[in-house]
Amino acid sequence: MSDGQKSPLDTVHLLALNAALRAENENLKAVVETLRRALYGARSERQLEQAGQLPLALNDLSAAPVEPAKLPRPANSNRPARPRAVRNIGGLPAHLPRVHVTIEPARLACPCCEGQLHRIGEDVSEMLDVVPAILRVRCIHRPRYGCRACESPVVQAKAPARPVDGGMPTVDLLAHVAVMKFAWHLPLHRQVKMLAGQGVDLDVSTLVHWISRAAWWLKPLHALLAATILAAPKIFCDDTPLPVLDKTRKRTRIARLWSYAMDDRPWCGPAPPAVVYLYAEDRKGRHVDEHLAGFNGVLQVDAYAGYNRLTKHSRRGGPVRLAFCLAHARRKFFEVHKATGCLVSGEALERIAAIYAIEARIRGTSAEERLEVRQAESQALFDAFKPWLMDRLSEISTKSPLAKAIRYTLGHWNGLGAFLTDGRVEVDSNTVERTIRAISLGKKNSLFAGSPVGGENWAILASLINTAKLHDLDPQTYLADVLERIVSGQTKVNALAELLPWNWKAARAAQDVKVAA
């Protein structure tokens, strides 16, 4: 063989090297695209604009599936047509108080004959108004009484208990500060400036102390909420990082808030929607094991390896059945398709969308009906998906992002299909992921918790406030009433179940009906 010719072995080696470099290049492109989208792109996973793509909404499946509208587009524009705005014109809530303002004409004499005008009707229109928050001082008078006929002791009413020993805030102000921070994500330093605008100068540390006292009063109720959720036969679990200031290092360290949620509304079950957050120093799996001691039901989670210890048969209380999240598997294919536009990832998304379309249709039916439809329709789609993934995996580079997405799905296959054998199980863990959003917004504005105690206070107050929001309660009204009942001693420790948001709401509704009658 001459020097100018290459041996077949060299050619094969070069081809293999070329294929490996191409795969590595595609992988790097996908990584760059993923990072670019994380920094500058949209946060939501929008439906792909492909012909025949089935409707899929991962954030909320409560609405029935709707066919995409065929809206006309301008000939010179590729942008989607803007959806029609939804406006509330009139129809203001009836429970809001009304302030009536009557505007009379300048003269009540007839412009023709100067005779006296009389009312023949009126036009009434409504506008939504607001009265800004007003700080006021509650002066508590306790008269002393004595008897002129004898030397009996002086009679005086007992001073009411204060939520902060020797402090000046009422339970309403305490609830207001907590709700503004944990429901509407307004940091304490901004609240201090708002109070200063009304002439009340306070230090941020004072509000921190108020938050700590509110959490101290509510700690038993938080423990009862956690026990109620963790005693359910099926719960959701997820975690989120929480930066905590470490004064020994003069910087933050990353702690965790573990979120446990229950919600039986998708299958009309008995459990009310609720969420509880538990603070932990890190993400080690032992925290989940401690939180779920004695639990042996269905736990719907992502693919974090720390949950695997819960499935051991030697575990105290028995093994836990893990149900994985199909939305996480879909997200892997979505990232690949967004970065590379490959047809395989697009078809995978379509197959998953077909399963979600069935889920949207049966949402709100009983567990038995859901299971029947899933086994009749979803089972075949799911069973056909696995061999299709295995065939595609054998055709592509093992280092490609698409191969990683396929291996992730196949590696968690049994847990992803848990919804096919239990009508109570959801197809994804979006229920608990929605509860994480409130924590994420709070972190974005407050940046970090000031101490581990601050992280625990965050968990206590956020749990009660966000559970109240799940029941469409006004957090301010709920938290102020609960604090008043606990601080005053009106509700004893053995009756704290009355103050859980769903029980509190039912009692308030019954009271309103009684008053109306």
Protein backbone atom coordinates (compact mmCIF):
# COMPACT_ATOMS: atom_id res chain seq x y z
CA MET A 1 0.00 0.00 0.00
CA SER A 2 1.47 3.40 -1.00
CA ASP A 3 2.12 6.23 1.43
CA GLY A 4 -0.69 8.34 -0.06
CA GLN A 5 -3.37 5.78 0.67
CA LYS A 6 -5.06 5.18 4.02
CA SER A 7 -5.81 1.78 5.42
CA PRO A 8 -9.46 0.74 6.02
CA LEU A 9 -8.71 0.72 9.74
CA ASP A 10 -7.70 4.38 9.66
CA THR A 11 -10.86 5.26 7.74
CA VAL A 12 -13.08 3.51 10.28
CA HIS A 13 -11.25 5.25 13.10
CA LEU A 14 -11.74 8.66 11.51
CA LEU A 15 -15.43 8.02 10.88
CA ALA A 16 -15.93 6.94 14.48
CA LEU A 17 -14.05 10.01 15.70
CA ASN A 18 -16.13 12.24 13.43
CA ALA A 19 -19.39 10.75 14.75
CA ALA A 20 -18.24 11.17 18.35
CA LEU A 21 -17.27 14.80 17.74
CA ARG A 22 -20.61 15.51 16.07
CA ALA A 23 -22.48 14.00 19.03
CA GLU A 24 -20.38 16.01 21.48
CA ASN A 25 -21.01 19.17 19.43
CA GLU A 26 -24.77 18.59 19.48
CA ASN A 27 -24.61 18.02 23.22
CA LEU A 28 -22.73 21.29 23.77
CA LYS A 29 -25.18 23.18 21.56
CA ALA A 30 -28.07 21.81 23.61
CA VAL A 31 -26.36 22.83 26.85
CA VAL A 32 -25.75 26.36 25.56
CA GLU A 33 -29.34 26.67 24.36
CA THR A 34 -30.66 25.44 27.71
CA LEU A 35 -28.55 27.96 29.60
CA ARG A 36 -29.58 30.74 27.21
CA ARG A 37 -33.26 29.95 27.77
CA ALA A 38 -32.72 29.82 31.52
CA LEU A 39 -31.22 33.32 31.46
CA TYR A 40 -33.20 35.09 28.76
CA GLY A 41 -36.00 32.84 27.57
CA ALA A 42 -39.57 32.27 28.66
CA ARG A 43 -39.96 30.27 31.87
CA SER A 44 -43.06 28.38 30.75
CA GLU A 45 -43.08 25.33 28.50
CA ARG A 46 -45.39 26.54 25.81
CA GLN A 47 -47.22 24.26 23.41
CA LEU A 48 -45.17 23.59 20.30
CA GLU A 49 -46.54 25.18 17.16
CA GLN A 50 -46.78 22.05 15.05
CA ALA A 51 -49.55 20.71 12.93
CA GLY A 52 -51.52 18.14 14.84
CA GLN A 53 -49.94 18.99 18.20
CA LEU A 54 -52.39 18.08 20.94
CA PRO A 55 -53.29 20.73 23.55
CA LEU A 56 -51.15 20.45 26.67
CA ALA A 57 -51.11 22.70 29.73
CA LEU A 58 -48.69 21.50 32.38
CA ASN A 59 -49.38 24.30 34.82
CA ASP A 60 -53.07 23.66 35.33
CA LEU A 61 -55.29 20.86 34.02
CA SER A 62 -58.45 22.16 35.69
CA ALA A 63 -59.85 23.45 32.41
CA ALA A 64 -61.29 21.21 29.74
CA PRO A 65 -59.23 20.81 26.56
CA VAL A 66 -59.97 23.41 23.93
CA GLU A 67 -59.13 23.15 20.26
CA PRO A 68 -56.71 25.84 19.09
CA ALA A 69 -58.59 28.81 17.65
CA LYS A 70 -58.12 29.52 13.93
CA LEU A 71 -57.48 33.25 14.16
CA PRO A 72 -56.56 35.22 11.04
CA ARG A 73 -53.05 36.59 10.93
CA PRO A 74 -51.76 39.61 9.04
CA ALA A 75 -50.08 38.67 5.79
CA ASN A 76 -46.88 40.48 6.79
CA SER A 77 -46.56 39.12 10.32
CA ASN A 78 -45.49 35.77 11.73
CA ARG A 79 -46.49 36.63 15.29
CA PRO A 80 -49.55 34.87 16.79
CA ALA A 81 -52.71 36.92 16.97
CA ARG A 82 -53.22 38.67 20.30
CA PRO A 83 -55.95 37.01 22.41
CA ARG A 84 -59.01 39.06 23.24
CA ALA A 85 -58.68 40.84 26.59
CA VAL A 86 -60.96 39.67 29.41
CA ARG A 87 -62.36 42.67 31.29
CA ASN A 88 -64.71 42.88 34.24
CA ILE A 89 -67.13 45.62 33.22
CA GLY A 90 -69.63 45.99 36.04
CA GLY A 91 -70.82 43.16 38.18
CA LEU A 92 -68.81 44.10 41.28
CA PRO A 93 -69.10 41.66 44.21
CA ALA A 94 -72.29 42.08 46.23
CA HIS A 95 -70.56 41.61 49.60
CA LEU A 96 -68.49 44.79 49.22
CA PRO A 97 -69.85 47.77 51.20
CA ARG A 98 -71.47 50.49 49.13
CA VAL A 99 -70.94 54.22 49.61
CA HIS A 100 -73.74 56.09 47.84
CA VAL A 101 -72.98 59.48 46.32
CA THR A 102 -75.89 61.47 44.88
CA ILE A 103 -75.09 64.21 42.35
CA GLU A 104 -77.97 66.68 42.00
CA PRO A 105 -78.43 69.15 39.14
CA ALA A 106 -77.26 72.70 39.80
CA ARG A 107 -80.90 73.97 39.70
CA LEU A 108 -84.17 72.13 40.40
CA ALA A 109 -86.29 74.68 38.52
CA CYS A 110 -87.67 73.94 35.04
CA PRO A 111 -85.57 75.69 32.39
CA CYS A 112 -88.77 76.49 30.45
CA CYS A 113 -91.38 77.64 32.99
CA GLU A 114 -89.31 77.83 36.18
CA GLY A 115 -91.67 75.29 37.80
CA GLN A 116 -90.48 72.89 40.52
CA LEU A 117 -88.89 69.70 39.12
CA HIS A 118 -89.75 66.30 40.59
CA ARG A 119 -87.73 63.08 40.42
CA ILE A 120 -88.86 60.65 37.72
CA GLY A 121 -85.97 58.16 37.99
CA GLU A 122 -82.22 57.89 38.25
CA ASP A 123 -79.19 56.34 36.66
CA VAL A 124 -76.91 54.29 38.91
CA SER A 125 -73.35 53.33 38.03
CA GLU A 126 -70.69 51.66 40.15
CA MET A 127 -66.95 52.25 40.46
CA LEU A 128 -64.47 50.21 42.47
CA ASP A 129 -62.94 52.34 45.24
CA VAL A 130 -60.29 51.75 47.89
CA VAL A 131 -59.58 53.10 51.37
CA PRO A 132 -55.80 52.91 51.96
CA ALA A 133 -54.57 51.14 55.08
CA ILE A 134 -54.88 53.46 58.07
CA LEU A 135 -52.76 53.06 61.17
CA ARG A 136 -54.60 53.79 64.37
CA VAL A 137 -53.98 53.49 68.10
CA ARG A 138 -56.21 51.16 70.09
CA CYS A 139 -56.60 52.71 73.56
CA ILE A 140 -57.69 50.10 76.09
CA HIS A 141 -59.47 51.59 79.14
CA ARG A 142 -59.93 49.44 82.24
CA PRO A 143 -61.96 51.36 84.83
CA ARG A 144 -61.44 50.50 88.50
CA TYR A 145 -64.45 50.22 90.80
CA GLY A 146 -64.67 50.37 94.56
CA CYS A 147 -67.50 50.18 97.11
CA ARG A 148 -68.32 53.24 99.27
CA ALA A 149 -70.22 51.14 101.83
CA CYS A 150 -67.38 48.76 102.75
CA GLU A 151 -63.69 48.17 102.24
CA SER A 152 -64.00 45.49 99.55
CA PRO A 153 -61.15 45.04 97.07
CA VAL A 154 -61.03 47.20 93.97
CA VAL A 155 -62.73 45.56 90.97
CA GLN A 156 -61.08 45.87 87.58
CA ALA A 157 -61.22 43.84 84.36
CA LYS A 158 -58.16 41.74 83.57
CA ALA A 159 -55.82 43.19 80.96
CA PRO A 160 -56.10 41.36 77.63
CA ALA A 161 -53.17 39.19 76.57
CA ARG A 162 -50.77 40.76 74.11
CA PRO A 163 -49.26 38.81 71.20
CA VAL A 164 -45.90 40.44 71.94
CA ASP A 165 -45.06 40.72 75.64
CA GLY A 166 -44.85 44.41 76.47
CA GLY A 167 -45.11 45.21 72.76
CA MET A 168 -47.41 47.56 70.94
CA PRO A 169 -48.75 45.57 67.94
CA THR A 170 -52.25 44.12 67.97
CA VAL A 171 -52.98 40.73 66.44
CA ASP A 172 -54.33 42.54 63.37
CA LEU A 173 -51.05 44.39 62.84
CA LEU A 174 -49.07 41.21 63.49
CA ALA A 175 -51.17 39.36 60.91
CA HIS A 176 -50.82 42.28 58.47
CA VAL A 177 -47.01 42.21 58.59
CA ALA A 178 -46.92 38.41 58.18
CA VAL A 179 -49.43 38.37 55.31
CA MET A 180 -47.68 41.17 53.45
CA LYS A 181 -44.41 39.24 53.63
CA PHE A 182 -45.52 35.64 53.09
CA ALA A 183 -48.67 36.07 50.98
CA TRP A 184 -47.84 39.12 48.89
CA HIS A 185 -44.01 38.87 49.14
CA LEU A 186 -43.28 42.36 50.48
CA PRO A 187 -39.96 42.28 52.39
CA LEU A 188 -39.82 43.70 55.91
CA HIS A 189 -37.49 46.57 54.99
CA ARG A 190 -40.09 47.84 52.51
CA GLN A 191 -42.81 47.54 55.13
CA VAL A 192 -40.65 49.62 57.47
CA LYS A 193 -40.56 52.39 54.86
CA MET A 194 -44.33 52.20 54.39
CA LEU A 195 -44.85 52.56 58.15
CA ALA A 196 -42.41 55.47 58.22
CA GLY A 197 -44.55 57.17 55.59
CA GLN A 198 -47.32 57.35 58.19
CA GLY A 199 -45.04 58.64 60.91
CA VAL A 200 -44.26 55.35 62.66
CA ASP A 201 -40.49 54.84 62.71
CA LEU A 202 -39.48 51.25 63.43
CA ASP A 203 -36.34 49.22 62.92
CA VAL A 204 -36.38 46.12 60.74
CA SER A 205 -35.35 44.05 63.77
CA THR A 206 -38.62 45.03 65.45
CA LEU A 207 -40.66 43.54 62.62
CA VAL A 208 -38.42 40.46 62.66
CA HIS A 209 -39.30 40.03 66.34
CA TRP A 210 -43.01 40.42 65.54
CA ILE A 211 -42.77 37.72 62.87
CA SER A 212 -40.98 35.44 65.31
CA ARG A 213 -43.70 35.92 67.94
CA ALA A 214 -46.48 35.27 65.44
CA ALA A 215 -44.76 32.05 64.38
CA TRP A 216 -44.34 31.07 68.05
CA TRP A 217 -48.07 31.38 68.67
CA LEU A 218 -48.90 29.44 65.50
CA LYS A 219 -46.34 26.66 65.91
CA PRO A 220 -48.82 24.15 67.45
CA LEU A 221 -51.31 24.79 64.62
CA HIS A 222 -48.52 24.29 62.06
CA ALA A 223 -47.62 20.98 63.72
CA LEU A 224 -51.27 19.88 63.53
CA LEU A 225 -51.42 20.85 59.85
CA ALA A 226 -48.26 18.82 59.16
CA ALA A 227 -49.63 15.80 61.04
CA THR A 228 -52.91 16.00 59.11
CA ILE A 229 -51.19 16.09 55.72
CA LEU A 230 -48.61 13.41 56.49
CA ALA A 231 -51.39 11.09 57.70
CA ALA A 232 -53.07 11.16 54.27
CA PRO A 233 -52.78 8.00 52.13
CA LYS A 234 -51.44 9.96 49.13
CA ILE A 235 -49.36 13.11 49.24
CA PHE A 236 -47.04 15.15 47.03
CA CYS A 237 -43.50 16.14 47.96
CA ASP A 238 -40.93 18.56 46.59
CA ASP A 239 -38.23 20.84 47.94
CA THR A 240 -36.79 24.24 47.16
CA PRO A 241 -33.51 25.88 48.20
CA LEU A 242 -33.70 28.62 50.83
CA PRO A 243 -30.63 30.85 51.31
CA VAL A 244 -30.01 31.41 55.03
CA LEU A 245 -27.59 33.99 56.40
CA ASP A 246 -24.70 32.33 58.23
CA LYS A 247 -23.19 34.94 60.54
CA THR A 248 -20.14 32.78 61.23
CA ARG A 249 -19.17 32.94 57.56
CA LYS A 250 -20.72 36.36 56.77
CA ARG A 251 -22.54 34.89 53.78
CA THR A 252 -25.49 32.67 53.06
CA ARG A 253 -25.65 28.90 52.98
CA ILE A 254 -28.31 26.90 51.18
CA ALA A 255 -30.93 25.29 53.40
CA ARG A 256 -34.16 23.68 52.19
CA LEU A 257 -37.90 24.00 52.56
CA TRP A 258 -39.59 20.65 52.00
CA SER A 259 -43.14 21.02 50.73
CA TYR A 260 -45.77 18.35 51.42
CA ALA A 261 -49.17 18.80 49.82
CA MET A 262 -52.46 16.94 49.50
CA ASP A 263 -55.28 17.64 47.09
CA ASP A 264 -58.06 15.20 46.22
CA ARG A 265 -60.11 17.64 44.15
CA PRO A 266 -59.04 16.14 40.77
CA TRP A 267 -60.85 12.90 41.69
CA CYS A 268 -63.47 14.32 44.13
CA GLY A 269 -61.77 12.70 47.12
CA PRO A 270 -62.30 13.58 50.78
CA ALA A 271 -58.99 15.33 51.58
CA PRO A 272 -59.06 19.14 51.40
CA PRO A 273 -56.26 20.95 49.58
CA ALA A 274 -53.43 21.84 51.95
CA VAL A 275 -49.68 22.39 52.00
CA VAL A 276 -47.12 22.39 54.79
CA TYR A 277 -43.48 23.47 54.57
CA LEU A 278 -40.80 21.95 56.81
CA TYR A 279 -37.41 23.56 57.24
CA ALA A 280 -34.20 21.50 56.95
CA GLU A 281 -30.53 22.43 56.95
CA ASP A 282 -29.78 20.61 53.68
CA ARG A 283 -31.21 18.28 51.04
CA LYS A 284 -30.09 14.98 52.52
CA GLY A 285 -32.61 12.17 52.17
CA ARG A 286 -32.66 11.58 55.92
CA HIS A 287 -34.89 14.63 56.35
CA VAL A 288 -37.59 13.09 54.17
CA ASP A 289 -37.26 9.85 56.09
CA GLU A 290 -37.74 11.73 59.36
CA HIS A 291 -40.68 13.74 58.07
CA LEU A 292 -42.44 10.64 56.70
CA ALA A 293 -41.80 8.33 59.64
CA GLY A 294 -44.73 5.91 59.72
CA PHE A 295 -46.03 6.91 56.28
CA ASN A 296 -46.50 4.02 53.83
CA GLY A 297 -48.88 5.38 51.22
CA VAL A 298 -48.29 6.86 47.75
CA LEU A 299 -45.74 9.65 47.47
CA GLN A 300 -45.77 11.64 44.22
CA VAL A 301 -42.33 13.15 43.61
CA ASP A 302 -39.65 13.99 41.09
CA ALA A 303 -36.70 11.69 40.46
CA TYR A 304 -34.50 12.86 43.37
CA ALA A 305 -32.45 9.84 44.53
CA GLY A 306 -32.99 10.70 48.20
CA TYR A 307 -36.52 9.28 48.00
CA ASN A 308 -35.23 5.79 47.19
CA ARG A 309 -34.58 4.99 50.85
CA LEU A 310 -38.34 5.21 51.44
CA THR A 311 -38.97 2.15 49.25
CA LYS A 312 -36.93 -0.27 51.36
CA HIS A 313 -38.93 -3.13 52.89
CA SER A 314 -36.84 -2.86 56.05
CA ARG A 315 -38.04 0.69 56.62
CA ARG A 316 -40.02 1.31 59.79
CA GLY A 317 -43.69 1.63 58.85
CA GLY A 318 -43.22 -0.28 55.60
CA PRO A 319 -42.14 0.78 52.11
CA VAL A 320 -43.52 3.85 50.39
CA ARG A 321 -44.79 3.62 46.82
CA LEU A 322 -43.21 6.31 44.63
CA ALA A 323 -45.18 7.82 41.76
CA PHE A 324 -42.99 9.87 39.44
CA CYS A 325 -43.84 12.99 37.45
CA LEU A 326 -44.50 12.74 33.71
CA ALA A 327 -44.05 16.51 33.40
CA HIS A 328 -40.39 16.12 34.38
CA ALA A 329 -39.89 13.54 31.65
CA ARG A 330 -41.64 15.77 29.16
CA ARG A 331 -39.40 18.68 30.18
CA LYS A 332 -36.32 16.71 29.13
CA PHE A 333 -37.69 16.23 25.62
CA PHE A 334 -38.91 19.83 25.52
CA GLU A 335 -35.42 21.17 26.23
CA VAL A 336 -33.95 18.96 23.48
CA HIS A 337 -36.58 20.01 20.97
CA LYS A 338 -36.19 23.68 21.82
CA ALA A 339 -32.41 23.45 21.43
CA THR A 340 -32.12 21.20 18.38
CA GLY A 341 -35.59 20.89 16.86
CA CYS A 342 -35.10 17.16 16.28
CA LEU A 343 -38.12 15.22 15.05
CA VAL A 344 -37.75 12.41 17.60
CA SER A 345 -38.17 14.75 20.56
CA GLY A 346 -41.13 16.37 18.80
CA GLU A 347 -42.85 13.02 18.39
CA ALA A 348 -42.14 12.18 22.04
CA LEU A 349 -43.87 15.40 23.05
CA GLU A 350 -46.87 14.51 20.90
CA ARG A 351 -47.14 11.09 22.51
CA ILE A 352 -47.04 12.62 25.98
CA ALA A 353 -49.55 15.27 24.93
CA ALA A 354 -52.00 12.53 23.94
CA ILE A 355 -51.86 11.17 27.50
CA TYR A 356 -52.38 14.65 28.94
CA ALA A 357 -55.40 15.20 26.68
CA ILE A 358 -57.07 12.15 28.25
CA GLU A 359 -56.18 13.41 31.74
CA ALA A 360 -57.74 16.78 31.03
CA ARG A 361 -60.96 15.08 29.92
CA ILE A 362 -61.36 12.93 33.03
CA ARG A 363 -60.29 15.54 35.55
CA GLY A 364 -62.95 15.94 38.23
CA THR A 365 -64.43 12.44 37.88
CA SER A 366 -64.19 9.73 40.53
CA ALA A 367 -61.07 7.62 41.05
CA GLU A 368 -62.89 4.56 39.69
CA GLU A 369 -63.91 6.37 36.50
CA ARG A 370 -60.42 7.76 36.00
CA LEU A 371 -58.86 4.33 36.41
CA GLU A 372 -61.30 2.79 33.94
CA VAL A 373 -60.58 5.39 31.25
CA ARG A 374 -56.84 5.22 31.84
CA GLN A 375 -56.74 1.47 31.43
CA ALA A 376 -58.96 1.64 28.34
CA GLU A 377 -57.14 4.50 26.57
CA SER A 378 -53.93 5.67 28.28
CA GLN A 379 -52.51 2.20 28.90
CA ALA A 380 -52.13 1.45 25.19
CA LEU A 381 -50.44 4.80 24.55
CA PHE A 382 -48.07 4.28 27.45
CA ASP A 383 -47.23 0.70 26.50
CA ALA A 384 -46.45 1.73 22.91
CA PHE A 385 -44.24 4.57 24.11
CA LYS A 386 -41.61 2.35 25.76
CA PRO A 387 -40.58 0.19 22.76
CA TRP A 388 -40.60 3.28 20.58
CA LEU A 389 -38.16 4.97 23.00
CA MET A 390 -35.93 1.87 23.07
CA ASP A 391 -35.82 1.75 19.27
CA ARG A 392 -34.88 5.43 19.06
CA LEU A 393 -32.21 4.99 21.73
CA SER A 394 -30.51 2.32 19.65
CA GLU A 395 -30.32 4.67 16.66
CA ILE A 396 -28.66 7.72 18.26
CA SER A 397 -25.45 8.58 20.05
CA THR A 398 -25.43 7.59 23.71
CA LYS A 399 -23.91 10.97 24.63
CA SER A 400 -26.57 13.11 22.97
CA PRO A 401 -29.09 15.11 25.04
CA LEU A 402 -31.90 13.12 23.43
CA ALA A 403 -30.36 9.88 24.67
CA LYS A 404 -30.20 11.33 28.19
CA ALA A 405 -33.90 12.28 28.01
CA ILE A 406 -34.82 8.78 26.83
CA ARG A 407 -32.72 7.09 29.52
CA TYR A 408 -34.30 9.29 32.18
CA THR A 409 -37.79 8.24 31.05
CA LEU A 410 -36.95 4.56 30.78
CA GLY A 411 -35.09 4.60 34.10
CA HIS A 412 -38.20 5.77 35.95
CA TRP A 413 -40.74 3.88 33.87
CA ASN A 414 -42.58 2.03 36.66
CA GLY A 415 -43.04 5.17 38.74
CA LEU A 416 -44.17 7.19 35.70
CA GLY A 417 -46.89 4.60 35.04
CA ALA A 418 -48.24 4.56 38.61
CA PHE A 419 -51.26 6.59 37.54
CA LEU A 420 -52.38 3.69 35.32
CA THR A 421 -53.05 1.41 38.31
CA ASP A 422 -54.49 3.91 40.81
CA GLY A 423 -57.18 6.43 39.95
CA ARG A 424 -56.15 8.65 42.88
CA VAL A 425 -52.65 9.23 41.51
CA GLU A 426 -51.98 12.22 39.28
CA VAL A 427 -50.02 12.07 36.05
CA ASP A 428 -47.51 14.62 37.42
CA SER A 429 -46.49 16.43 40.59
CA ASN A 430 -47.58 19.89 39.46
CA THR A 431 -49.82 20.11 42.53
CA VAL A 432 -46.82 20.50 44.81
CA GLU A 433 -44.77 22.47 42.30
CA ARG A 434 -47.45 25.17 42.36
CA THR A 435 -46.96 25.48 46.11
CA ILE A 436 -43.26 26.13 45.53
CA ARG A 437 -43.98 29.24 43.45
CA ALA A 438 -45.04 31.24 46.51
CA ILE A 439 -41.73 30.41 48.21
CA SER A 440 -39.78 31.31 45.07
CA LEU A 441 -41.42 34.72 44.82
CA GLY A 442 -40.67 35.39 48.47
CA LYS A 443 -37.02 34.41 48.00
CA LYS A 444 -36.73 36.66 44.96
CA ASN A 445 -37.82 39.70 46.96
CA SER A 446 -36.39 38.93 50.42
CA LEU A 447 -33.21 37.25 49.07
CA PHE A 448 -32.60 35.13 52.19
CA ALA A 449 -33.73 34.19 55.69
CA GLY A 450 -31.78 35.88 58.45
CA SER A 451 -31.14 32.72 60.48
CA PRO A 452 -32.26 29.09 60.82
CA VAL A 453 -34.96 30.32 63.20
CA GLY A 454 -36.07 32.70 60.46
CA GLY A 455 -36.28 29.76 58.06
CA GLU A 456 -38.48 27.85 60.50
CA ASN A 457 -40.70 30.92 60.97
CA TRP A 458 -40.94 31.19 57.18
CA ALA A 459 -42.11 27.57 57.00
CA ILE A 460 -44.75 28.03 59.73
CA LEU A 461 -46.36 31.20 58.42
CA ALA A 462 -46.13 30.29 54.73
CA SER A 463 -47.83 26.94 55.43
CA LEU A 464 -50.92 28.46 57.07
CA ILE A 465 -51.17 31.42 54.70
CA ASN A 466 -50.82 29.39 51.48
CA THR A 467 -53.25 26.73 52.71
CA ALA A 468 -55.75 29.50 53.44
CA LYS A 469 -55.25 30.80 49.89
CA LEU A 470 -55.96 27.30 48.53
CA HIS A 471 -59.41 27.62 50.15
CA ASP A 472 -60.00 31.10 48.68
CA LEU A 473 -59.76 32.73 52.10
CA ASP A 474 -58.51 36.24 52.71
CA PRO A 475 -55.19 35.55 54.49
CA GLN A 476 -55.45 38.71 56.59
CA THR A 477 -58.92 37.89 57.92
CA TYR A 478 -58.02 34.26 58.59
CA LEU A 479 -54.66 34.85 60.27
CA ALA A 480 -55.89 37.75 62.44
CA ASP A 481 -58.84 35.71 63.71
CA VAL A 482 -56.69 32.64 64.38
CA LEU A 483 -54.11 34.69 66.30
CA GLU A 484 -56.84 36.37 68.31
CA ARG A 485 -58.37 33.05 69.31
CA ILE A 486 -55.01 31.53 70.27
CA VAL A 487 -53.56 34.56 72.09
CA SER A 488 -56.76 35.22 74.05
CA GLY A 489 -57.12 31.56 75.01
CA GLN A 490 -60.54 31.34 73.39
CA THR A 491 -59.40 28.24 71.48
CA LYS A 492 -57.57 25.69 73.60
CA VAL A 493 -54.75 23.47 72.40
CA ASN A 494 -57.03 20.42 72.24
CA ALA A 495 -59.40 22.30 69.92
CA LEU A 496 -56.86 23.63 67.42
CA ALA A 497 -58.43 21.53 64.65
CA GLU A 498 -61.19 24.17 64.54
CA LEU A 499 -58.60 26.66 63.25
CA LEU A 500 -57.38 24.61 60.28
CA PRO A 501 -58.34 26.65 57.19
CA TRP A 502 -61.01 24.29 55.84
CA ASN A 503 -62.67 23.89 59.27
CA TRP A 504 -62.43 27.63 59.92
CA LYS A 505 -64.05 28.36 56.56
CA ALA A 506 -66.90 25.91 57.20
CA ALA A 507 -67.57 27.39 60.65
CA ARG A 508 -67.55 30.93 59.27
CA ALA A 509 -69.98 29.95 56.48
CA ALA A 510 -72.33 28.32 58.99
CA GLN A 511 -72.17 31.44 61.16
CA ASP A 512 -73.01 33.67 58.20
CA VAL A 513 -76.01 31.50 57.34
CA LYS A 514 -77.21 31.68 60.94
CA VAL A 515 -76.87 35.46 61.01
CA ALA A 516 -78.69 35.80 57.67
CA ALA A 517 -81.59 33.67 58.98
